[in-house]
Amino acid sequence: MSEPHVRVIARFAVKPDQVKAFVAAAREALVEPSRRDAGCIQYDLCQDTGDPGRFAMIEAWESEEALDAHLAQPWLREAVNRLLPMGAEPPSVQRLRPVS
């Protein structure tokens, strides 16, 4: 039996004057390169419909190893460092595994 895919939900609260810049930078620096990583099944930037300054990165990975390899990429650290100053609060990240 194979292990279920790994899911990640990374939440970001962005300063109101940084929303457009955050979206552009996140697409360029995170979404597109992450989708090319080995083992990436899904990598979507989603905006809260009730609060346009809140975002979630919804991810699915083939395995823990694929996710760990993604997280070890130097470009990922650079992208996160580029986005952090736009934040209104520290991001939160959850690693999840389907149970059904």
C-alpha atoms as a PDB file:
ATOM      1  CA  MET A   1       0.000   0.000   0.000  1.00  0.00           C
ATOM      2  CA  SER A   2       1.450   3.383  -0.960  1.00  0.00           C
ATOM      3  CA  GLU A   3       1.483   6.281   1.462  1.00  0.00           C
ATOM      4  CA  PRO A   4      -1.095   9.020   0.898  1.00  0.00           C
ATOM      5  CA  HIS A   5       0.009  12.281  -0.603  1.00  0.00           C
ATOM      6  CA  VAL A   6       1.203  15.062   1.676  1.00  0.00           C
ATOM      7  CA  ARG A   7      -0.810  18.289   1.741  1.00  0.00           C
ATOM      8  CA  VAL A   8       0.384  21.693   2.871  1.00  0.00           C
ATOM      9  CA  ILE A   9      -1.603  24.790   3.725  1.00  0.00           C
ATOM     10  CA  ALA A  10       0.551  27.878   4.159  1.00  0.00           C
ATOM     11  CA  ARG A  11      -1.379  30.941   5.313  1.00  0.00           C
ATOM     12  CA  PHE A  12      -0.271  34.522   4.774  1.00  0.00           C
ATOM     13  CA  ALA A  13      -1.721  37.812   6.051  1.00  0.00           C
ATOM     14  CA  VAL A  14      -0.502  40.661   3.848  1.00  0.00           C
ATOM     15  CA  LYS A  15      -0.350  44.387   4.531  1.00  0.00           C
ATOM     16  CA  PRO A  16      -3.181  46.144   2.639  1.00  0.00           C
ATOM     17  CA  ASP A  17      -0.809  48.222   0.531  1.00  0.00           C
ATOM     18  CA  GLN A  18       1.190  45.119  -0.428  1.00  0.00           C
ATOM     19  CA  VAL A  19      -1.580  42.851  -1.761  1.00  0.00           C
ATOM     20  CA  LYS A  20      -0.922  43.398  -5.484  1.00  0.00           C
ATOM     21  CA  ALA A  21       2.843  43.156  -5.025  1.00  0.00           C
ATOM     22  CA  PHE A  22       2.440  39.987  -2.947  1.00  0.00           C
ATOM     23  CA  VAL A  23       0.302  38.295  -5.598  1.00  0.00           C
ATOM     24  CA  ALA A  24       2.759  39.153  -8.371  1.00  0.00           C
ATOM     25  CA  ALA A  25       5.813  38.119  -6.357  1.00  0.00           C
ATOM     26  CA  ALA A  26       4.210  34.911  -5.066  1.00  0.00           C
ATOM     27  CA  ARG A  27       3.201  33.825  -8.569  1.00  0.00           C
ATOM     28  CA  GLU A  28       6.661  34.528  -9.957  1.00  0.00           C
ATOM     29  CA  ALA A  29       8.840  33.389  -7.058  1.00  0.00           C
ATOM     30  CA  LEU A  30       6.798  30.526  -5.552  1.00  0.00           C
ATOM     31  CA  VAL A  31       3.921  29.204  -7.623  1.00  0.00           C
ATOM     32  CA  GLU A  32       5.533  28.765 -11.021  1.00  0.00           C
ATOM     33  CA  PRO A  33       8.883  27.328  -9.820  1.00  0.00           C
ATOM     34  CA  SER A  34       7.181  25.064  -7.264  1.00  0.00           C
ATOM     35  CA  ARG A  35       4.899  23.567  -9.898  1.00  0.00           C
ATOM     36  CA  ARG A  36       8.033  22.451 -11.761  1.00  0.00           C
ATOM     37  CA  ASP A  37       9.496  20.667  -8.709  1.00  0.00           C
ATOM     38  CA  ALA A  38       9.605  16.871  -8.823  1.00  0.00           C
ATOM     39  CA  GLY A  39       6.709  15.397  -6.889  1.00  0.00           C
ATOM     40  CA  CYS A  40       4.491  18.488  -6.988  1.00  0.00           C
ATOM     41  CA  ILE A  41       0.857  17.557  -7.623  1.00  0.00           C
ATOM     42  CA  GLN A  42      -0.750  20.915  -6.772  1.00  0.00           C
ATOM     43  CA  TYR A  43       0.529  24.360  -5.843  1.00  0.00           C
ATOM     44  CA  ASP A  44      -2.125  27.084  -5.845  1.00  0.00           C
ATOM     45  CA  LEU A  45      -2.207  30.586  -4.418  1.00  0.00           C
ATOM     46  CA  CYS A  46      -5.719  31.298  -3.099  1.00  0.00           C
ATOM     47  CA  GLN A  47      -7.131  34.597  -1.822  1.00  0.00           C
ATOM     48  CA  ASP A  48      -9.699  34.793   0.971  1.00  0.00           C
ATOM     49  CA  THR A  49     -13.029  35.939  -0.492  1.00  0.00           C
ATOM     50  CA  GLY A  50     -13.923  37.880   2.663  1.00  0.00           C
ATOM     51  CA  ASP A  51     -10.517  39.426   3.385  1.00  0.00           C
ATOM     52  CA  PRO A  52      -8.378  40.210   0.327  1.00  0.00           C
ATOM     53  CA  GLY A  53      -5.272  40.549   2.507  1.00  0.00           C
ATOM     54  CA  ARG A  54      -5.373  36.878   3.508  1.00  0.00           C
ATOM     55  CA  PHE A  55      -3.980  34.141   1.318  1.00  0.00           C
ATOM     56  CA  ALA A  56      -3.384  30.416   1.457  1.00  0.00           C
ATOM     57  CA  MET A  57      -0.936  28.392  -0.573  1.00  0.00           C
ATOM     58  CA  ILE A  58      -2.624  25.016  -1.113  1.00  0.00           C
ATOM     59  CA  GLU A  59      -0.115  22.308  -1.967  1.00  0.00           C
ATOM     60  CA  ALA A  60      -0.098  18.581  -2.624  1.00  0.00           C
ATOM     61  CA  TRP A  61       3.075  16.500  -2.880  1.00  0.00           C
ATOM     62  CA  GLU A  62       3.635  12.890  -3.890  1.00  0.00           C
ATOM     63  CA  SER A  63       5.629  12.159  -0.727  1.00  0.00           C
ATOM     64  CA  GLU A  64       7.327  13.588   2.344  1.00  0.00           C
ATOM     65  CA  GLU A  65      10.621  13.224   0.476  1.00  0.00           C
ATOM     66  CA  ALA A  66       9.356  15.327  -2.445  1.00  0.00           C
ATOM     67  CA  LEU A  67       8.149  18.012  -0.038  1.00  0.00           C
ATOM     68  CA  ASP A  68      11.422  17.964   1.902  1.00  0.00           C
ATOM     69  CA  ALA A  69      13.397  18.317  -1.354  1.00  0.00           C
ATOM     70  CA  HIS A  70      11.195  21.282  -2.311  1.00  0.00           C
ATOM     71  CA  LEU A  71      11.730  22.923   1.082  1.00  0.00           C
ATOM     72  CA  ALA A  72      15.508  22.510   0.736  1.00  0.00           C
ATOM     73  CA  GLN A  73      15.667  24.502  -2.516  1.00  0.00           C
ATOM     74  CA  PRO A  74      17.769  27.684  -2.106  1.00  0.00           C
ATOM     75  CA  TRP A  75      15.398  29.604  -4.392  1.00  0.00           C
ATOM     76  CA  LEU A  76      12.519  28.789  -2.019  1.00  0.00           C
ATOM     77  CA  ARG A  77      14.269  30.444   0.917  1.00  0.00           C
ATOM     78  CA  GLU A  78      14.991  33.479  -1.274  1.00  0.00           C
ATOM     79  CA  ALA A  79      11.330  33.680  -2.317  1.00  0.00           C
ATOM     80  CA  VAL A  80      10.095  33.472   1.267  1.00  0.00           C
ATOM     81  CA  ASN A  81      12.562  36.179   2.321  1.00  0.00           C
ATOM     82  CA  ARG A  82      11.248  38.354  -0.530  1.00  0.00           C
ATOM     83  CA  LEU A  83       7.626  37.901   0.632  1.00  0.00           C
ATOM     84  CA  LEU A  84       8.068  38.152   4.421  1.00  0.00           C
ATOM     85  CA  PRO A  85       8.365  41.987   4.516  1.00  0.00           C
ATOM     86  CA  MET A  86       4.935  42.210   2.850  1.00  0.00           C
ATOM     87  CA  GLY A  87       3.332  40.285   5.694  1.00  0.00           C
ATOM     88  CA  ALA A  88       1.095  41.752   8.356  1.00  0.00           C
ATOM     89  CA  GLU A  89       1.894  38.795  10.623  1.00  0.00           C
ATOM     90  CA  PRO A  90       4.119  35.715  10.474  1.00  0.00           C
ATOM     91  CA  PRO A  91       2.919  33.021   8.060  1.00  0.00           C
ATOM     92  CA  SER A  92       1.633  29.697   9.383  1.00  0.00           C
ATOM     93  CA  VAL A  93       2.267  26.353   7.727  1.00  0.00           C
ATOM     94  CA  GLN A  94       0.460  23.047   8.259  1.00  0.00           C
ATOM     95  CA  ARG A  95       1.613  19.711   6.881  1.00  0.00           C
ATOM     96  CA  LEU A  96      -1.372  17.378   6.485  1.00  0.00           C
ATOM     97  CA  ARG A  97      -2.042  13.810   5.405  1.00  0.00           C
ATOM     98  CA  PRO A  98      -5.458  12.597   4.173  1.00  0.00           C
ATOM     99  CA  VAL A  99      -7.060  10.064   6.499  1.00  0.00           C
ATOM    100  CA  SER A 100      -9.866   8.855   4.249  1.00  0.00           C
END
